[in-house]
Structures are given as C-alpha cells and as structure tokens.
C-alpha cells in the first residue's frame, strides 16, 4: 500500500506520516513547501488539485482546510476507487459543508472512513499568549468540550488504513468534556503558573473574533454550557488504548 497524506505538516498529518512509516507503509506527502517535509516521498502541490500527487497511490489521508465545500468535487475526483480517510467534524451530522465534503467522497469511492472530531486540543494554543500573563479573557468559560489529542486522531487513521474500516463513521473525542475555564487552568499547571479565566462580554468577543466566525462559534459555545460535547468510546475501541487526556497534551506542549 502507498498512502498520500494531505496536510502532512499539520497537527494530525505529521503524526499520520510517522505512524504509517512505523507500520512499514510507503508514504507520499502533499505539501506546498517541500522544505517543511521531514519524512516520506514529497509531492509539491495544492489540495484543491491533487491529481498528480494522487497518481499511483492506493489510499489518501484527506484534510480539507476550508470552511466551504466549493471545489471539493474537483479535489476528490483523483481519489476514485481509492481508500480515503477523511478528518471530518462532529458537525457533519447536521450537514453543512462538512457533510457536503463527506458526500463528495462517498461518490468517488466506497472505501471511505470518516473521523468526525469534536475539536482538537491544539485549538487551545490560541490562548497561550494570554495564559503567559496569568489570565485568559474569552467568552463562555463554562462551555464543556471533549477535545481530542492530535495523536489519537492519527492513531485512528493508521488503524483505518491497516484494517478494514470501510464505510465507518467514528466520533473521535477526548476521554472527558472539560470546561474552557478548566482547560486554561490545566494549561497553567503545565506551564508551572496559575492562570485564571476571565469571562469576556459577547459583544467584545464579536469584535475580537470577527463577525463571520463569531456568528458560528458563539452560539455553539453557548450551547455547550448546558449540553457538553459528547464523549465517545470510538478511540479506545478502534485503537485499543484509552483516549489521551487533555492534561497529557498540555504537559507535552508546555512542561
């Protein structure tokens, strides 16, 4: 088997590359900047047109980094009849562009696996600059998220490539749902300093985040105060090991 890894230098892709190579699987990495590729056969190009990069591979680790499905049919056309593991979102259950990307993949191959994540632990890196001051000011501190370690996403992908997980949809989460305020506290502990959460008024958050992003993010975070993100057992079931806790991720990043 030869696997094309898109997003190969990103949060999950780099771990997928390592995991596949450890299994003795040939890897081709699709990158824009070849100087950033550390492992695997390098293909320089863009995810919107991976035709050349996909030639001769048997499988694809697919990351679609846009908040729109525009151009997706052209992008996945070269994946016809190949095994495709797509990093999707839990939001795909409600359709939207995530669902449209899944649908486009399903039209070119029957050998697909969708990894629907609630959110990556790496998303919290946006708080680091504030955390270093001892305070993070942001909205909805009591919103509870089941963020997943990027290595767990990669482990799920490697299993999907090396075993039969065709037409399977997995909900990929961390082992518990933690409030954003608690996440900040844990980051502080890993840094070796107290960090507190300061609740930010919504209007101020809109100005800071931008109207377009805030229009999507704020209502979702608000909903997580009363109804936390779900916690799935798919990571331990598929990989054979427990999902890595947020504390582990924070220690790896900041200790």
C-alpha atoms as a PDB file:
ATOM      1  CA  UNK A   1       0.000   0.000   0.000  1.00  0.00           C
ATOM      2  CA  UNK A   2       1.069   3.547  -0.710  1.00  0.00           C
ATOM      3  CA  UNK A   3      -0.711   6.364   1.109  1.00  0.00           C
ATOM      4  CA  UNK A   4      -0.930  10.009   0.100  1.00  0.00           C
ATOM      5  CA  UNK A   5      -1.043  12.188   3.209  1.00  0.00           C
ATOM      6  CA  UNK A   6      -2.504  15.657   2.730  1.00  0.00           C
ATOM      7  CA  UNK A   7      -1.955  18.220   5.461  1.00  0.00           C
ATOM      8  CA  UNK A   8       1.233  16.254   6.095  1.00  0.00           C
ATOM      9  CA  UNK A   9       2.961  19.000   8.084  1.00  0.00           C
ATOM     10  CA  UNK A  10      -0.142  19.890  10.091  1.00  0.00           C
ATOM     11  CA  UNK A  11      -1.335  18.962  13.570  1.00  0.00           C
ATOM     12  CA  UNK A  12      -2.553  15.452  12.723  1.00  0.00           C
ATOM     13  CA  UNK A  13      -0.892  14.766   9.385  1.00  0.00           C
ATOM     14  CA  UNK A  14       2.656  14.693  10.697  1.00  0.00           C
ATOM     15  CA  UNK A  15       1.688  12.002  13.209  1.00  0.00           C
ATOM     16  CA  UNK A  16      -0.123  10.028  10.497  1.00  0.00           C
ATOM     17  CA  UNK A  17       3.063  10.050   8.410  1.00  0.00           C
ATOM     18  CA  UNK A  18       5.112   8.756  11.345  1.00  0.00           C
ATOM     19  CA  UNK A  19       2.533   6.119  12.244  1.00  0.00           C
ATOM     20  CA  UNK A  20       2.301   4.765   8.700  1.00  0.00           C
ATOM     21  CA  UNK A  21       6.075   4.639   8.255  1.00  0.00           C
ATOM     22  CA  UNK A  22       6.336   2.778  11.571  1.00  0.00           C
ATOM     23  CA  UNK A  23       3.977   0.189  10.050  1.00  0.00           C
ATOM     24  CA  UNK A  24       6.243  -0.173   7.021  1.00  0.00           C
ATOM     25  CA  UNK A  25       3.794   1.579   4.706  1.00  0.00           C
ATOM     26  CA  UNK A  26       5.020   3.761   1.848  1.00  0.00           C
ATOM     27  CA  UNK A  27       4.015   7.401   2.258  1.00  0.00           C
ATOM     28  CA  UNK A  28       3.789  10.296  -0.167  1.00  0.00           C
ATOM     29  CA  UNK A  29       3.266  13.714   1.401  1.00  0.00           C
ATOM     30  CA  UNK A  30       1.450  16.537  -0.368  1.00  0.00           C
ATOM     31  CA  UNK A  31       2.974  19.864   0.652  1.00  0.00           C
ATOM     32  CA  UNK A  32       3.238  23.379  -0.690  1.00  0.00           C
ATOM     33  CA  UNK A  33       6.662  23.937   0.820  1.00  0.00           C
ATOM     34  CA  UNK A  34       8.987  20.937   0.369  1.00  0.00           C
ATOM     35  CA  UNK A  35      11.420  22.318   2.951  1.00  0.00           C
ATOM     36  CA  UNK A  36       8.847  21.526   5.651  1.00  0.00           C
ATOM     37  CA  UNK A  37       8.556  17.846   4.730  1.00  0.00           C
ATOM     38  CA  UNK A  38      10.619  15.709   7.091  1.00  0.00           C
ATOM     39  CA  UNK A  39       9.590  12.194   6.032  1.00  0.00           C
ATOM     40  CA  UNK A  40       8.115  10.355   3.060  1.00  0.00           C
ATOM     41  CA  UNK A  41       8.180  10.892  -0.678  1.00  0.00           C
ATOM     42  CA  UNK A  42       7.437  14.548  -1.388  1.00  0.00           C
ATOM     43  CA  UNK A  43       4.811  15.807  -3.835  1.00  0.00           C
ATOM     44  CA  UNK A  44       4.568  19.573  -4.166  1.00  0.00           C
ATOM     45  CA  UNK A  45       1.092  20.855  -4.879  1.00  0.00           C
ATOM     46  CA  UNK A  46      -2.235  22.086  -3.549  1.00  0.00           C
ATOM     47  CA  UNK A  47      -5.094  20.139  -2.029  1.00  0.00           C
ATOM     48  CA  UNK A  48      -7.567  21.793  -4.398  1.00  0.00           C
ATOM     49  CA  UNK A  49      -5.986  19.869  -7.302  1.00  0.00           C
ATOM     50  CA  UNK A  50      -4.170  16.741  -6.074  1.00  0.00           C
ATOM     51  CA  UNK A  51      -4.366  14.897  -9.405  1.00  0.00           C
ATOM     52  CA  UNK A  52      -0.628  14.456  -9.893  1.00  0.00           C
ATOM     53  CA  UNK A  53       0.051  13.707  -6.234  1.00  0.00           C
ATOM     54  CA  UNK A  54      -2.658  11.018  -6.132  1.00  0.00           C
ATOM     55  CA  UNK A  55      -1.360   9.153  -9.171  1.00  0.00           C
ATOM     56  CA  UNK A  56      -0.158   5.688  -8.232  1.00  0.00           C
ATOM     57  CA  UNK A  57      -1.276   5.718  -4.588  1.00  0.00           C
ATOM     58  CA  UNK A  58      -3.758   3.285  -3.066  1.00  0.00           C
ATOM     59  CA  UNK A  59      -5.095   5.426  -0.238  1.00  0.00           C
ATOM     60  CA  UNK A  60      -5.431   9.030   0.904  1.00  0.00           C
ATOM     61  CA  UNK A  61      -5.437  10.766   4.267  1.00  0.00           C
ATOM     62  CA  UNK A  62      -7.613  13.737   3.431  1.00  0.00           C
ATOM     63  CA  UNK A  63      -7.785  17.087   5.197  1.00  0.00           C
ATOM     64  CA  UNK A  64      -9.967  19.820   3.689  1.00  0.00           C
ATOM     65  CA  UNK A  65      -8.847  23.082   5.345  1.00  0.00           C
ATOM     66  CA  UNK A  66     -11.620  25.367   4.073  1.00  0.00           C
ATOM     67  CA  UNK A  67     -14.930  26.461   5.602  1.00  0.00           C
ATOM     68  CA  UNK A  68     -16.729  25.815   2.331  1.00  0.00           C
ATOM     69  CA  UNK A  69     -17.209  22.822   0.050  1.00  0.00           C
ATOM     70  CA  UNK A  70     -16.542  24.898  -3.067  1.00  0.00           C
ATOM     71  CA  UNK A  71     -14.154  22.989  -5.323  1.00  0.00           C
ATOM     72  CA  UNK A  72     -14.484  19.719  -3.430  1.00  0.00           C
ATOM     73  CA  UNK A  73     -15.687  17.634  -6.380  1.00  0.00           C
ATOM     74  CA  UNK A  74     -12.577  18.523  -8.378  1.00  0.00           C
ATOM     75  CA  UNK A  75     -10.359  17.864  -5.356  1.00  0.00           C
ATOM     76  CA  UNK A  76     -11.656  14.340  -4.668  1.00  0.00           C
ATOM     77  CA  UNK A  77     -12.031  13.205  -8.274  1.00  0.00           C
ATOM     78  CA  UNK A  78      -8.461  11.773  -8.331  1.00  0.00           C
ATOM     79  CA  UNK A  79      -9.386   9.592  -5.334  1.00  0.00           C
ATOM     80  CA  UNK A  80     -11.754   7.424  -7.372  1.00  0.00           C
ATOM     81  CA  UNK A  81     -11.862   3.852  -6.011  1.00  0.00           C
ATOM     82  CA  UNK A  82      -9.068   4.542  -3.506  1.00  0.00           C
ATOM     83  CA  UNK A  83      -9.241   4.110   0.268  1.00  0.00           C
ATOM     84  CA  UNK A  84      -9.939   7.562   1.775  1.00  0.00           C
ATOM     85  CA  UNK A  85      -9.697   8.508   5.448  1.00  0.00           C
ATOM     86  CA  UNK A  86     -11.191  11.968   5.910  1.00  0.00           C
ATOM     87  CA  UNK A  87     -10.782  14.142   9.002  1.00  0.00           C
ATOM     88  CA  UNK A  88     -14.316  15.460   9.327  1.00  0.00           C
ATOM     89  CA  UNK A  89     -16.240  17.131  12.143  1.00  0.00           C
ATOM     90  CA  UNK A  90     -18.992  16.116  14.515  1.00  0.00           C
ATOM     91  CA  UNK A  91     -20.922  18.952  12.858  1.00  0.00           C
ATOM     92  CA  UNK A  92     -21.223  16.813   9.701  1.00  0.00           C
ATOM     93  CA  UNK A  93     -24.129  15.033  11.355  1.00  0.00           C
ATOM     94  CA  UNK A  94     -26.163  18.183  10.742  1.00  0.00           C
ATOM     95  CA  UNK A  95     -24.997  18.537   7.142  1.00  0.00           C
ATOM     96  CA  UNK A  96     -23.354  21.830   6.200  1.00  0.00           C
ATOM     97  CA  UNK A  97     -20.095  21.934   4.274  1.00  0.00           C
ATOM     98  CA  UNK A  98     -18.636  19.103   6.371  1.00  0.00           C
ATOM     99  CA  UNK A  99     -21.482  16.863   5.244  1.00  0.00           C
ATOM    100  CA  UNK A 100     -21.049  18.038   1.662  1.00  0.00           C
ATOM    101  CA  UNK A 101     -17.385  17.007   1.711  1.00  0.00           C
ATOM    102  CA  UNK A 102     -18.315  13.586   3.091  1.00  0.00           C
ATOM    103  CA  UNK A 103     -20.935  13.215   0.369  1.00  0.00           C
ATOM    104  CA  UNK A 104     -18.433  14.118  -2.355  1.00  0.00           C
ATOM    105  CA  UNK A 105     -16.006  11.470  -1.097  1.00  0.00           C
ATOM    106  CA  UNK A 106     -18.775   8.879  -0.980  1.00  0.00           C
ATOM    107  CA  UNK A 107     -19.473   9.482  -4.669  1.00  0.00           C
ATOM    108  CA  UNK A 108     -15.934   8.561  -5.785  1.00  0.00           C
ATOM    109  CA  UNK A 109     -15.199   5.592  -3.518  1.00  0.00           C
ATOM    110  CA  UNK A 110     -16.940   3.008  -1.346  1.00  0.00           C
ATOM    111  CA  UNK A 111     -13.806   2.529   0.758  1.00  0.00           C
ATOM    112  CA  UNK A 112     -14.055   5.579   2.986  1.00  0.00           C
ATOM    113  CA  UNK A 113     -13.693   6.190   6.713  1.00  0.00           C
ATOM    114  CA  UNK A 114     -14.841   9.446   8.312  1.00  0.00           C
ATOM    115  CA  UNK A 115     -13.179  10.623  11.525  1.00  0.00           C
ATOM    116  CA  UNK A 116     -15.602  13.156  12.977  1.00  0.00           C
ATOM    117  CA  UNK A 117     -13.818  15.138  15.673  1.00  0.00           C
ATOM    118  CA  UNK A 118     -15.405  17.454  18.208  1.00  0.00           C
ATOM    119  CA  UNK A 119     -12.283  19.613  18.305  1.00  0.00           C
ATOM    120  CA  UNK A 120      -8.510  19.328  18.569  1.00  0.00           C
ATOM    121  CA  UNK A 121      -6.676  20.105  21.779  1.00  0.00           C
ATOM    122  CA  UNK A 122      -4.341  22.223  19.643  1.00  0.00           C
ATOM    123  CA  UNK A 123      -7.181  24.732  19.220  1.00  0.00           C
ATOM    124  CA  UNK A 124      -6.384  25.978  22.719  1.00  0.00           C
ATOM    125  CA  UNK A 125      -2.974  27.231  21.561  1.00  0.00           C
ATOM    126  CA  UNK A 126      -4.784  30.455  20.713  1.00  0.00           C
ATOM    127  CA  UNK A 127      -4.902  31.167  24.450  1.00  0.00           C
ATOM    128  CA  UNK A 128      -1.177  30.741  25.078  1.00  0.00           C
ATOM    129  CA  UNK A 129      -0.135  34.384  24.736  1.00  0.00           C
ATOM    130  CA  UNK A 130      -2.777  35.418  27.267  1.00  0.00           C
ATOM    131  CA  UNK A 131      -2.013  32.448  29.535  1.00  0.00           C
ATOM    132  CA  UNK A 132       1.566  33.649  29.891  1.00  0.00           C
ATOM    133  CA  UNK A 133       0.175  36.807  31.544  1.00  0.00           C
ATOM    134  CA  UNK A 134      -1.753  34.700  34.082  1.00  0.00           C
ATOM    135  CA  UNK A 135      -5.209  35.478  32.695  1.00  0.00           C
ATOM    136  CA  UNK A 136      -7.260  34.380  29.697  1.00  0.00           C
ATOM    137  CA  UNK A 137     -10.156  36.635  28.769  1.00  0.00           C
ATOM    138  CA  UNK A 138     -12.623  34.871  26.472  1.00  0.00           C
ATOM    139  CA  UNK A 139     -16.342  34.035  26.263  1.00  0.00           C
ATOM    140  CA  UNK A 140     -18.214  31.048  27.722  1.00  0.00           C
ATOM    141  CA  UNK A 141     -15.729  29.690  30.214  1.00  0.00           C
ATOM    142  CA  UNK A 142     -18.233  27.034  31.310  1.00  0.00           C
ATOM    143  CA  UNK A 143     -18.636  25.611  27.800  1.00  0.00           C
ATOM    144  CA  UNK A 144     -17.529  21.993  28.088  1.00  0.00           C
ATOM    145  CA  UNK A 145     -15.553  20.467  25.225  1.00  0.00           C
ATOM    146  CA  UNK A 146     -14.272  16.926  24.626  1.00  0.00           C
ATOM    147  CA  UNK A 147     -11.123  17.993  22.787  1.00  0.00           C
ATOM    148  CA  UNK A 148      -9.022  15.189  21.329  1.00  0.00           C
ATOM    149  CA  UNK A 149      -5.262  14.796  21.244  1.00  0.00           C
ATOM    150  CA  UNK A 150      -3.956  15.004  17.664  1.00  0.00           C
ATOM    151  CA  UNK A 151      -2.047  11.755  18.185  1.00  0.00           C
ATOM    152  CA  UNK A 152      -5.333   9.944  18.821  1.00  0.00           C
ATOM    153  CA  UNK A 153      -6.701  11.209  15.508  1.00  0.00           C
ATOM    154  CA  UNK A 154      -3.558   9.908  13.815  1.00  0.00           C
ATOM    155  CA  UNK A 155      -3.829   6.543  15.581  1.00  0.00           C
ATOM    156  CA  UNK A 156      -7.414   6.218  14.344  1.00  0.00           C
ATOM    157  CA  UNK A 157      -6.284   6.995  10.804  1.00  0.00           C
ATOM    158  CA  UNK A 158      -3.468   4.442  10.871  1.00  0.00           C
ATOM    159  CA  UNK A 159      -5.925   1.782  12.045  1.00  0.00           C
ATOM    160  CA  UNK A 160      -8.306   2.737   9.238  1.00  0.00           C
ATOM    161  CA  UNK A 161      -5.516   2.246   6.701  1.00  0.00           C
ATOM    162  CA  UNK A 162      -4.185  -1.022   8.113  1.00  0.00           C
ATOM    163  CA  UNK A 163      -7.520  -2.677   8.949  1.00  0.00           C
ATOM    164  CA  UNK A 164     -10.960  -2.862   7.344  1.00  0.00           C
ATOM    165  CA  UNK A 165     -12.943   0.184   8.411  1.00  0.00           C
ATOM    166  CA  UNK A 166     -14.714   0.832   5.118  1.00  0.00           C
ATOM    167  CA  UNK A 167     -17.909   2.894   5.329  1.00  0.00           C
ATOM    168  CA  UNK A 168     -17.380   3.560   9.039  1.00  0.00           C
ATOM    169  CA  UNK A 169     -18.110   6.886  10.729  1.00  0.00           C
ATOM    170  CA  UNK A 170     -16.301   7.408  14.023  1.00  0.00           C
ATOM    171  CA  UNK A 171     -16.813  10.124  16.607  1.00  0.00           C
ATOM    172  CA  UNK A 172     -13.298  10.981  17.742  1.00  0.00           C
ATOM    173  CA  UNK A 173     -13.134  12.740  21.126  1.00  0.00           C
ATOM    174  CA  UNK A 174     -11.061  13.083  24.235  1.00  0.00           C
ATOM    175  CA  UNK A 175     -11.892  10.999  27.324  1.00  0.00           C
ATOM    176  CA  UNK A 176     -13.946  13.724  29.047  1.00  0.00           C
ATOM    177  CA  UNK A 177     -15.642  17.059  28.467  1.00  0.00           C
ATOM    178  CA  UNK A 178     -13.789  19.860  30.244  1.00  0.00           C
ATOM    179  CA  UNK A 179     -14.926  23.448  30.643  1.00  0.00           C
ATOM    180  CA  UNK A 180     -12.857  26.020  28.807  1.00  0.00           C
ATOM    181  CA  UNK A 181     -12.010  27.618  32.147  1.00  0.00           C
ATOM    182  CA  UNK A 182     -10.700  24.267  33.377  1.00  0.00           C
ATOM    183  CA  UNK A 183      -8.671  23.816  30.191  1.00  0.00           C
ATOM    184  CA  UNK A 184      -6.983  27.153  30.891  1.00  0.00           C
ATOM    185  CA  UNK A 185      -6.257  26.086  34.467  1.00  0.00           C
ATOM    186  CA  UNK A 186      -4.662  22.873  33.212  1.00  0.00           C
ATOM    187  CA  UNK A 187      -2.535  24.795  30.712  1.00  0.00           C
ATOM    188  CA  UNK A 188      -1.356  26.997  33.569  1.00  0.00           C
ATOM    189  CA  UNK A 189      -0.447  23.971  35.664  1.00  0.00           C
ATOM    190  CA  UNK A 190       1.606  22.607  32.768  1.00  0.00           C
ATOM    191  CA  UNK A 191       3.326  25.982  32.465  1.00  0.00           C
ATOM    192  CA  UNK A 192       4.008  25.957  36.188  1.00  0.00           C
ATOM    193  CA  UNK A 193       1.988  29.087  36.945  1.00  0.00           C
ATOM    194  CA  UNK A 194      -1.597  29.887  37.948  1.00  0.00           C
ATOM    195  CA  UNK A 195      -3.785  31.002  35.055  1.00  0.00           C
ATOM    196  CA  UNK A 196      -7.354  32.156  35.604  1.00  0.00           C
ATOM    197  CA  UNK A 197     -10.289  32.607  33.262  1.00  0.00           C
ATOM    198  CA  UNK A 198     -11.960  35.998  32.907  1.00  0.00           C
ATOM    199  CA  UNK A 199     -15.354  35.960  31.244  1.00  0.00           C
ATOM    200  CA  UNK A 200     -15.484  38.191  28.183  1.00  0.00           C
ATOM    201  CA  UNK A 201     -18.723  40.001  27.200  1.00  0.00           C
ATOM    202  CA  UNK A 202     -20.165  38.647  23.983  1.00  0.00           C
ATOM    203  CA  UNK A 203     -20.046  41.937  22.088  1.00  0.00           C
ATOM    204  CA  UNK A 204     -16.368  42.335  22.893  1.00  0.00           C
ATOM    205  CA  UNK A 205     -15.778  38.777  21.709  1.00  0.00           C
ATOM    206  CA  UNK A 206     -17.541  39.515  18.415  1.00  0.00           C
ATOM    207  CA  UNK A 207     -15.223  42.459  17.806  1.00  0.00           C
ATOM    208  CA  UNK A 208     -12.190  40.375  18.619  1.00  0.00           C
ATOM    209  CA  UNK A 209     -13.162  37.231  16.724  1.00  0.00           C
ATOM    210  CA  UNK A 210     -14.776  38.897  13.716  1.00  0.00           C
ATOM    211  CA  UNK A 211     -18.471  38.807  12.877  1.00  0.00           C
ATOM    212  CA  UNK A 212     -18.342  35.841  10.490  1.00  0.00           C
ATOM    213  CA  UNK A 213     -16.501  33.464  12.829  1.00  0.00           C
ATOM    214  CA  UNK A 214     -18.313  34.732  15.922  1.00  0.00           C
ATOM    215  CA  UNK A 215     -21.688  34.099  14.281  1.00  0.00           C
ATOM    216  CA  UNK A 216     -20.825  30.403  14.153  1.00  0.00           C
ATOM    217  CA  UNK A 217     -18.703  29.958  17.246  1.00  0.00           C
ATOM    218  CA  UNK A 218     -20.525  31.911  19.955  1.00  0.00           C
ATOM    219  CA  UNK A 219     -23.929  30.179  19.691  1.00  0.00           C
ATOM    220  CA  UNK A 220     -22.156  26.819  19.670  1.00  0.00           C
ATOM    221  CA  UNK A 221     -20.059  27.607  22.747  1.00  0.00           C
ATOM    222  CA  UNK A 222     -23.162  28.934  24.479  1.00  0.00           C
ATOM    223  CA  UNK A 223     -24.957  25.637  23.843  1.00  0.00           C
ATOM    224  CA  UNK A 224     -22.095  23.699  25.448  1.00  0.00           C
ATOM    225  CA  UNK A 225     -22.691  25.304  28.831  1.00  0.00           C
ATOM    226  CA  UNK A 226     -25.880  23.297  29.331  1.00  0.00           C
ATOM    227  CA  UNK A 227     -25.123  20.430  26.937  1.00  0.00           C
ATOM    228  CA  UNK A 228     -21.427  19.491  26.861  1.00  0.00           C
ATOM    229  CA  UNK A 229     -19.843  17.968  23.786  1.00  0.00           C
ATOM    230  CA  UNK A 230     -20.287  14.191  23.716  1.00  0.00           C
ATOM    231  CA  UNK A 231     -17.608  11.781  24.851  1.00  0.00           C
ATOM    232  CA  UNK A 232     -17.158   8.790  22.576  1.00  0.00           C
ATOM    233  CA  UNK A 233     -15.554   5.403  23.142  1.00  0.00           C
ATOM    234  CA  UNK A 234     -14.524   5.095  19.494  1.00  0.00           C
ATOM    235  CA  UNK A 235     -10.862   5.943  20.164  1.00  0.00           C
ATOM    236  CA  UNK A 236     -10.303   3.134  22.698  1.00  0.00           C
ATOM    237  CA  UNK A 237     -12.481   0.727  20.723  1.00  0.00           C
ATOM    238  CA  UNK A 238     -10.581   1.200  17.464  1.00  0.00           C
ATOM    239  CA  UNK A 239      -7.045   1.862  18.708  1.00  0.00           C
ATOM    240  CA  UNK A 240      -7.001  -0.433  21.730  1.00  0.00           C
ATOM    241  CA  UNK A 241      -5.745   2.298  24.063  1.00  0.00           C
ATOM    242  CA  UNK A 242      -7.578   4.960  26.101  1.00  0.00           C
ATOM    243  CA  UNK A 243      -8.006   8.403  24.600  1.00  0.00           C
ATOM    244  CA  UNK A 244      -5.231  10.672  25.821  1.00  0.00           C
ATOM    245  CA  UNK A 245      -6.435  13.208  28.438  1.00  0.00           C
ATOM    246  CA  UNK A 246      -6.079  16.960  27.965  1.00  0.00           C
ATOM    247  CA  UNK A 247      -3.626  17.033  30.862  1.00  0.00           C
ATOM    248  CA  UNK A 248      -1.239  14.833  28.879  1.00  0.00           C
ATOM    249  CA  UNK A 249      -1.489  17.092  25.854  1.00  0.00           C
ATOM    250  CA  UNK A 250      -0.803  20.196  27.966  1.00  0.00           C
ATOM    251  CA  UNK A 251       2.218  18.623  29.649  1.00  0.00           C
ATOM    252  CA  UNK A 252       3.658  17.615  26.283  1.00  0.00           C
ATOM    253  CA  UNK A 253       3.269  21.150  24.994  1.00  0.00           C
ATOM    254  CA  UNK A 254       4.270  23.274  27.956  1.00  0.00           C
ATOM    255  CA  UNK A 255       6.266  21.295  30.517  1.00  0.00           C
END
